[in-house]
Protein backbone atom coordinates (compact mmCIF):
# COMPACT_ATOMS: atom_id res chain seq x y z
CA MET A 1 0.00 0.00 0.00
CA LYS A 2 1.51 3.29 -1.10
CA HIS A 3 1.67 6.23 1.26
CA HIS A 4 2.81 9.82 0.83
CA ASN A 5 6.30 10.66 1.99
CA LEU A 6 5.43 12.86 4.94
CA ASN A 7 9.05 13.89 5.48
CA ASN A 8 8.96 16.13 2.38
CA MET A 9 5.80 18.02 3.34
CA THR A 10 5.12 21.14 5.34
CA THR A 11 3.75 21.03 8.85
CA LEU A 12 1.22 23.58 10.05
CA SER A 13 3.82 25.16 12.34
CA GLU A 14 6.22 25.61 9.41
CA LEU A 15 3.44 27.07 7.27
CA LEU A 16 2.56 29.64 9.94
CA LYS A 17 6.22 30.66 10.22
CA ASN A 18 6.71 31.10 6.48
CA LYS A 19 3.43 32.68 5.38
CA LYS A 20 1.23 35.45 6.72
CA GLU A 21 -2.16 34.39 8.06
CA GLU A 22 -4.15 36.37 5.49
CA ALA A 23 -2.12 34.79 2.68
CA ILE A 24 -2.74 31.18 3.79
CA THR A 25 -5.30 29.41 1.62
CA TYR A 26 -7.34 26.33 2.32
CA HIS A 27 -5.22 24.49 -0.24
CA ASP A 28 -2.11 25.39 1.74
CA LEU A 29 -3.68 23.46 4.61
CA LEU A 30 -4.43 20.51 2.32
CA ASN A 31 -0.71 20.35 1.54
CA CYS A 32 0.24 20.06 5.22
CA VAL A 33 1.61 16.86 6.73
CA GLU A 34 -1.35 16.81 9.12
CA TRP A 35 -3.89 16.59 6.29
CA LYS A 36 -1.91 14.11 4.19
CA SER A 37 -1.64 11.80 7.19
CA LYS A 38 -5.36 12.08 7.97
CA ARG A 39 -6.20 11.49 4.30
CA GLU A 40 -4.21 8.25 4.23
CA GLU A 41 -5.90 7.16 7.44
CA VAL A 42 -9.37 7.66 5.90
CA LEU A 43 -8.41 5.90 2.65
CA ASP A 44 -7.08 2.93 4.63
CA ARG A 45 -10.20 2.83 6.78
CA ASP A 46 -12.41 2.71 3.67
CA ASN A 47 -10.23 0.06 2.01
CA HIS A 48 -9.30 2.50 -0.80
CA LEU A 49 -12.79 2.26 -2.28
CA CYS A 50 -15.36 4.97 -3.00
CA THR A 51 -17.99 4.77 -0.24
CA ILE A 52 -20.71 5.76 -2.74
CA CYS A 53 -20.12 3.65 -5.88
CA THR A 54 -17.49 1.21 -4.43
CA SER A 55 -15.04 1.99 -7.26
CA SER A 56 -11.32 1.73 -6.75
CA LYS A 57 -8.95 4.12 -8.45
CA THR A 58 -8.00 3.13 -11.99
CA LEU A 59 -5.04 0.79 -12.19
CA ASP A 60 -1.76 1.60 -13.91
CA GLY A 61 -1.79 0.91 -17.65
CA LYS A 62 -4.21 1.41 -20.54
CA PHE A 63 -6.38 -1.02 -22.49
CA SER A 64 -7.67 -0.72 -26.06
CA ASP A 65 -11.29 -1.41 -26.97
CA ARG A 66 -11.00 -3.28 -30.26
CA ASN A 67 -14.49 -2.30 -31.33
CA SER A 68 -14.39 1.46 -30.75
CA LEU A 69 -10.57 1.87 -30.73
CA SER A 70 -10.97 3.96 -27.55
CA ILE A 71 -8.66 3.81 -24.55
CA LEU A 72 -10.00 2.12 -21.40
CA TYR A 73 -8.71 2.03 -17.84
CA GLY A 74 -9.05 -0.89 -15.47
CA ARG A 75 -10.53 -0.62 -11.96
CA LYS A 76 -12.44 -2.62 -9.36
CA LEU A 77 -16.17 -2.02 -9.04
CA ASN A 78 -18.28 -3.97 -6.54
CA GLY A 79 -15.25 -6.18 -6.01
CA GLU A 80 -14.92 -7.17 -9.66
CA ALA A 81 -12.76 -6.02 -12.58
CA SER A 82 -14.34 -3.25 -14.64
CA PHE A 83 -13.32 -0.74 -17.31
CA THR A 84 -13.93 2.98 -17.70
CA SER A 85 -13.11 5.50 -20.40
CA SER A 86 -11.64 8.03 -17.94
CA ARG A 87 -9.15 7.86 -15.11
CA ILE A 88 -10.64 7.45 -11.66
CA HIS A 89 -8.81 8.64 -8.57
CA LEU A 90 -9.84 8.66 -4.91
CA GLU A 91 -10.38 11.76 -2.79
CA VAL A 92 -11.43 12.43 0.80
CA HIS A 93 -14.63 14.44 1.15
CA HIS A 94 -15.86 16.52 4.11
CA LYS A 95 -19.58 15.88 4.59
CA PHE A 96 -19.71 19.03 6.70
CA TYR A 97 -17.39 21.68 8.12
CA ILE A 98 -17.16 23.23 11.56
CA ARG A 99 -16.08 26.84 11.77
CA ASN A 100 -12.36 27.30 12.43
CA LEU A 101 -11.48 23.60 12.43
CA PHE A 102 -8.54 22.56 10.32
CA PRO A 103 -9.35 20.00 7.59
CA TRP A 104 -7.73 17.15 9.55
CA GLU A 105 -9.60 17.86 12.81
CA TYR A 106 -12.57 15.67 11.88
CA ASP A 107 -13.51 12.02 12.27
CA ASP A 108 -17.13 11.30 11.34
CA ALA A 109 -17.18 13.97 8.60
CA LEU A 110 -14.60 12.32 6.34
CA ILE A 111 -15.36 9.71 3.67
CA THR A 112 -13.53 8.31 0.66
CA VAL A 113 -15.10 9.12 -2.72
CA CYS A 114 -13.98 8.79 -6.32
CA ASN A 115 -13.55 12.00 -8.31
CA GLU A 116 -16.78 11.37 -10.27
CA CYS A 117 -18.93 10.95 -7.15
CA HIS A 118 -17.14 13.89 -5.53
CA ALA A 119 -18.04 16.14 -8.46
CA MET A 120 -21.67 14.98 -8.27
CA ILE A 121 -21.84 15.78 -4.54
CA HIS A 122 -20.62 19.35 -5.03
CA GLN A 123 -22.90 19.91 -8.01
CA GLU A 124 -26.00 18.73 -6.17
CA GLN A 125 -25.49 20.07 -2.65
CA LYS A 126 -23.82 22.82 -0.69
CA ILE A 127 -21.64 21.54 2.14
CA PRO A 128 -22.99 22.75 5.51
CA VAL A 129 -20.75 24.76 7.83
CA TYR A 130 -21.66 24.52 11.53
CA PHE A 131 -20.92 27.06 14.22
CA ASP A 132 -19.42 24.51 16.62
CA GLN A 133 -19.11 20.78 17.25
CA SER A 134 -22.68 20.50 18.52
CA LYS A 135 -23.67 20.80 14.83
CA THR A 136 -26.95 22.48 15.79
CA VAL A 137 -26.41 25.95 14.31
CA ILE A 138 -25.36 26.49 10.69
CA VAL A 139 -23.06 29.42 10.04
CA ASN A 140 -24.90 32.17 8.18
CA GLU A 141 -22.16 34.45 6.87
CA ASP A 142 -21.43 36.35 3.67
CA PRO A 143 -21.66 34.11 0.60
CA CYS A 144 -18.42 33.23 -1.16
CA GLN A 145 -17.50 36.00 -3.59
CA LYS A 146 -16.01 33.53 -6.07
CA CYS A 147 -18.96 31.15 -6.55
CA GLY A 148 -21.78 33.36 -5.25
CA GLY A 149 -22.54 30.91 -2.47
CA THR A 150 -23.16 27.84 -4.66
CA GLY A 151 -19.91 26.10 -3.73
CA PHE A 152 -19.44 25.04 -7.36
CA LEU A 153 -17.80 26.62 -10.43
CA ASP A 154 -19.13 25.02 -13.60
CA MET A 155 -16.54 26.75 -15.80
CA TYR A 156 -13.80 25.08 -13.77
CA ASN A 157 -15.26 21.59 -13.95
CA HIS A 158 -11.89 20.33 -15.21
CA VAL A 159 -10.17 21.61 -12.03
CA GLN A 160 -11.04 19.94 -8.71
CA ASN A 161 -14.26 18.67 -10.31
CA GLY A 162 -15.63 22.22 -10.27
CA THR A 163 -15.49 22.59 -6.49
CA CYS A 164 -14.99 26.25 -5.64
CA PHE A 165 -11.34 26.67 -4.70
CA GLN A 166 -12.04 29.68 -2.49
CA CYS A 167 -14.77 28.32 -0.19
CA HIS A 168 -14.04 24.62 -0.86
CA GLY A 169 -17.67 23.87 -1.64
CA THR A 170 -19.18 25.50 1.44
CA GLY A 171 -20.50 28.64 -0.24
CA VAL A 172 -19.25 30.68 2.74
CA GLN A 173 -16.70 33.45 2.26
CA LYS A 174 -14.48 32.50 5.22
CA PHE A 175 -15.18 29.60 7.57
CA TRP A 176 -11.77 28.89 9.06
CA SER A 177 -8.81 30.75 10.50
CA ALA A 178 -5.20 29.78 10.00
CA ILE A 179 -4.32 31.15 13.42
CA LYS A 180 -5.44 28.91 16.26
CA LYS A 181 -3.66 28.75 19.54
CA GLU A 182 -1.89 25.40 19.49
CA LYS A 183 -2.22 23.47 22.71
CA ILE A 184 1.05 23.04 24.54
CA PHE A 185 2.31 20.95 27.42
CA THR A 186 3.02 22.77 30.67
CA TRP A 187 4.19 21.61 34.09
CA GLN A 188 0.62 22.13 35.31
CA PHE A 189 -0.66 19.86 32.52
CA LEU A 190 1.92 17.17 33.33
CA TYR A 191 0.90 17.32 36.98
CA LYS A 192 -2.81 17.06 36.19
CA ASN A 193 -2.19 14.05 33.94
CA ARG A 194 0.75 12.60 35.84
CA LEU A 195 -0.70 9.09 36.08
CA ILE A 196 -0.99 8.56 32.33
CA PHE A 197 2.39 10.25 31.76
CA ASN A 198 3.80 7.87 34.36
CA ASP A 199 2.51 4.87 32.37
CA PHE A 200 3.97 6.47 29.24
CA PHE A 201 7.44 7.00 30.74
CA SER A 202 7.44 3.65 32.56
CA GLY A 203 6.91 1.82 29.29
CA ASN A 204 9.41 3.77 27.18
CA TYR A 205 11.91 6.04 28.95
CA CYS A 206 15.58 5.04 29.09
CA PHE A 207 15.99 5.02 32.90
CA SER A 208 19.31 4.58 34.65
CA GLU A 209 19.50 2.05 37.47
CA LYS A 210 19.64 4.94 39.97
CA GLN A 211 16.46 6.45 38.53
CA LEU A 212 14.67 3.09 38.67
CA ILE A 213 15.63 2.86 42.34
CA ASP A 214 14.75 6.48 43.18
CA PHE A 215 11.36 6.38 41.42
CA ASN A 216 10.49 2.85 42.50
CA LYS A 217 7.36 3.79 44.46
CA TYR A 218 5.91 5.74 41.51
CA LEU A 219 6.84 3.79 38.38
CA GLU A 220 4.10 1.62 36.88
CA VAL A 221 4.98 -2.05 36.43
CA GLY A 222 2.20 -2.59 33.88
CA ASN A 223 0.13 -5.62 32.92
CA PRO A 224 0.20 -7.96 29.96
CA HIS A 225 -3.18 -9.09 28.67
CA ASP A 226 -4.14 -12.11 30.73
CA VAL A 227 -7.41 -14.06 30.79
CA ILE A 228 -8.18 -15.04 34.37
CA THR A 229 -11.47 -16.83 33.71
CA SER A 230 -13.83 -16.89 30.74
CA GLY A 231 -15.50 -13.76 32.12
CA ILE A 232 -12.59 -12.02 33.85
CA ASP A 233 -9.45 -10.69 32.22
CA GLN A 234 -6.56 -8.56 33.41
CA LYS A 235 -6.59 -5.26 31.56
CA LEU A 236 -3.61 -4.41 29.39
CA ARG A 237 -1.58 -1.56 30.87
CA LEU A 238 1.67 0.03 29.72
CA GLY A 239 4.55 -0.08 32.15
CA LEU A 240 8.07 -1.25 32.91
CA ILE A 241 7.46 -4.78 31.63
CA PHE A 242 7.21 -3.35 28.08
CA ASN A 243 10.31 -1.14 28.36
CA ALA A 244 13.10 -2.53 26.17
CA ASN A 245 15.59 0.03 27.55
CA ILE A 246 15.85 -1.52 31.02
CA PHE A 247 18.66 -3.82 32.11
CA TRP A 248 17.30 -5.73 35.08
CA THR A 249 20.13 -6.09 37.60
CA ASP A 250 19.79 -8.47 40.54
CA TYR A 251 19.08 -5.53 42.86
CA LEU A 252 16.33 -4.16 40.58
CA LYS A 253 14.74 -7.60 40.44
CA VAL A 254 14.58 -7.65 44.23
CA ILE A 255 12.95 -4.23 44.66
CA TYR A 256 10.47 -4.69 41.81
CA TYR A 257 9.36 -8.22 42.64
CA ASN A 258 5.84 -8.29 44.08
CA GLU A 259 4.59 -11.30 46.00
CA PRO A 260 1.54 -12.51 44.03
CA ARG A 261 -1.79 -12.34 45.82
CA VAL A 262 -5.01 -14.25 45.30
CA ILE A 263 -7.38 -12.23 43.12
CA TYR A 264 -9.86 -14.97 42.21
CA ALA A 265 -10.91 -18.10 44.06
CA GLY A 266 -13.40 -20.30 42.28
CA ASP A 267 -13.91 -23.76 40.83
CA GLY A 268 -11.43 -25.08 43.36
CA VAL A 269 -8.54 -23.13 41.82
CA ASP A 270 -6.88 -20.02 43.24
CA ILE A 271 -5.72 -17.46 40.67
CA PHE A 272 -2.97 -15.06 41.61
CA SER A 273 -2.22 -11.52 40.51
CA TYR A 274 0.46 -10.86 37.91
CA HIS A 275 4.02 -10.68 39.12
CA ILE A 276 7.11 -10.02 37.08
CA ASP A 277 8.87 -12.99 35.52
CA PHE A 278 12.06 -11.15 34.59
CA GLY A 279 13.06 -13.88 32.14
CA GLN A 280 10.10 -12.95 29.91
CA LEU A 281 10.90 -9.24 29.70
CA PRO A 282 10.35 -7.10 27.80
CA PHE A 283 6.86 -7.99 26.60
CA THR A 284 6.14 -7.09 22.98
CA LYS A 285 3.44 -4.45 22.65
CA ASN A 286 2.06 -5.72 19.34
CA ILE A 287 1.73 -9.28 20.63
CA GLU A 288 -0.21 -8.12 23.68
CA LEU A 289 -2.46 -5.91 21.52
CA ASN A 290 -3.28 -8.89 19.33
CA LYS A 291 -4.08 -10.99 22.39
CA ASN A 292 -6.38 -8.19 23.53
CA LYS A 293 -8.06 -8.14 20.09
CA ASP A 294 -8.57 -11.92 20.07
CA HIS A 295 -10.13 -11.83 23.53
CA GLN A 296 -12.55 -9.06 22.53
CA GLU A 297 -13.64 -11.13 19.53
CA TYR A 298 -14.10 -14.16 21.78
CA LEU A 299 -16.26 -12.17 24.20
CA PHE A 300 -18.30 -10.77 21.30
CA LEU A 301 -18.99 -14.24 19.90
CA ASP A 302 -19.78 -15.59 23.35
CA SER A 303 -22.35 -12.85 23.98
CA PHE A 304 -23.80 -13.05 20.47
CA GLY A 305 -25.30 -16.50 20.89
CA PRO A 306 -26.04 -19.01 18.15
CA ILE A 307 -25.60 -17.91 14.54
CA GLU A 308 -28.98 -18.53 12.95
CA SER A 309 -28.90 -16.66 9.63
CA ASP A 310 -26.74 -15.14 6.93
CA GLU A 311 -27.55 -11.76 8.47
CA ASP A 312 -26.03 -12.90 11.77
CA SER A 313 -22.97 -14.20 9.97
CA ASN A 314 -22.55 -10.98 7.99
CA HIS A 315 -22.91 -8.90 11.15
CA ILE A 316 -20.19 -10.90 12.90
CA THR A 317 -17.90 -10.61 9.88
CA SER A 318 -18.45 -6.87 9.77
CA GLU A 319 -17.68 -6.48 13.49
CA PHE A 320 -14.54 -8.60 13.16
CA ASN A 321 -13.37 -6.57 10.16
CA ASN A 322 -13.93 -3.31 12.06
CA ASN A 323 -12.02 -4.69 15.04
CA GLU A 324 -9.20 -5.81 12.77
CA ARG A 325 -8.93 -2.37 11.18
CA TYR A 326 -8.92 -0.68 14.59
CA TYR A 327 -6.04 -2.80 15.90
CA ASP A 328 -4.12 -2.56 12.62
CA SER A 329 -4.39 1.22 12.94
CA LEU A 330 -3.18 1.08 16.56
CA ILE A 331 -0.10 -0.89 15.50
CA GLU A 332 0.72 0.76 12.16
CA LYS A 333 -0.06 4.45 12.76
CA SER A 334 3.10 6.44 12.07
CA TYR A 335 2.03 10.05 12.63
CA TYR A 336 0.15 11.82 15.44
CA SER A 337 -1.14 15.37 15.17
CA ASN A 338 -1.16 17.73 18.14
CA GLN A 339 -4.91 17.19 18.52
CA GLU A 340 -4.51 13.39 18.53
CA ILE A 341 -1.76 13.57 21.15
CA PHE A 342 -4.04 15.49 23.52
CA LYS A 343 -6.85 12.95 22.93
CA VAL A 344 -4.50 10.13 23.93
CA ILE A 345 -3.35 11.95 27.07
CA ALA A 346 -7.00 12.65 27.93
CA GLY A 347 -7.46 8.87 28.10
CA GLU A 348 -9.91 8.65 25.18
CA ASP A 349 -8.09 5.55 23.92
CA PRO A 350 -5.43 4.25 26.34
CA LEU A 351 -4.39 1.49 23.93
CA CYS A 352 -2.86 4.17 21.66
CA LEU A 353 0.00 4.33 24.16
CA PHE A 354 1.04 0.88 22.86
CA ASN A 355 1.82 2.25 19.41
CA ASP A 356 5.57 2.08 18.80
CA ASN A 357 5.71 5.51 17.16
CA ILE A 358 3.74 7.66 19.60
CA TYR A 359 6.53 7.90 22.18
CA SER A 360 8.74 10.07 19.98
CA PHE A 361 5.84 12.43 19.15
CA ILE A 362 4.85 12.94 22.79
CA PHE A 363 8.38 13.09 24.21
CA ASN A 364 9.59 15.53 21.53
CA LYS A 365 6.58 17.74 22.22
CA ILE A 366 7.39 17.71 25.95
CA LEU A 367 10.97 18.81 25.25
CA LYS A 368 9.79 21.50 22.84
CA ASP A 369 7.04 22.92 25.09
CA ILE A 370 8.86 22.56 28.43
CA PRO A 371 12.55 23.49 27.91
CA ASP A 372 13.47 22.80 31.54
CA PHE A 373 11.95 19.31 31.55
CA THR A 374 13.88 16.54 33.26
CA ILE A 375 12.64 13.13 34.36
CA GLU A 376 13.70 13.99 37.93
CA LYS A 377 11.51 17.10 37.92
CA PHE A 378 8.59 15.08 36.59
CA TYR A 379 8.76 12.51 39.38
CA GLY A 380 9.24 15.37 41.80
CA LEU A 381 5.59 16.21 41.00
CA PHE A 382 4.60 13.08 42.93
CA GLU A 383 6.40 14.26 46.05
CA LYS A 384 4.28 17.31 46.71
CA ARG A 385 1.25 19.13 45.33
CA PHE A 386 2.21 21.13 42.26
CA LEU A 387 2.00 24.88 42.91
CA GLU A 388 0.41 26.68 39.98
């Protein structure tokens, strides 16, 4: 699967440094790393197929129609090979906009469409712009001066399928601002979210033996995924057992060993809590994520009951495919925007911490936003209440 080379693209921060706000266009934003990454994410989610007509993009190479001598292009349509007289490419469409959101700051608004369906959408409807994320009030501002508020330019049908390049199909003169205060990390923010940052550092930071000793009472050991009984499982949690940077000396093994305790007694068998088996360390994040995925699918099947129809079977297949895509995304995601980082820290999806790439994004942001950051100062936050 081909992806854009994000290293050669401009980030939003670079764009704001190099261009005045009033000179930044919506298309400048669509050339940012943040949008290109989000675009690939949506295309992958939709299996690189148009969500309206199910077409794929046309394949490389041309075919000749012996009867009409015309050139044809191959593609997939409804899962089967098909031919078309024009090239088809895939685009990502916003079903709606929210005032002052960047194009990549959406989830449920984005769908994959082919260029033909995209053109039809913009010809037949004006894309709504909402005042805020409640989506209850539509922005009623001056109509776009370029398209007169239609969102479509028929004379430019050969460019962007006729979508107005000034209002991007919304019909509104200005619905976004290039200047938005970017959220930053502060010591107050680290203190407020110290528990999740502790999990984050415990599972990734390159601690010295002295630091592991000094921070012993705060560092999170973590949990692998472990099924205790058919209905009880130990939740996956990031911590020291996943940290490949730790050399476990004999002294560290002594201070981090926890005597297992009984956490379940039933069916004549006592089940004990997890304790570190240092010979198994470090655990592999991807393996534990896949164990977590398999257990979720098992629980889903167990609660579903007997499969009595093709509809039941199709529903199960659909749920399994969605689950597969979710975990593939967790494992393979290679870029995190500022907004996504704050969602992870807010605990919206703790499993994102198991992605191998997220550590560098979060840690580099900490160093950029908090120049005086040290790991000693961070764990000093646990010693006393942080004074704002």
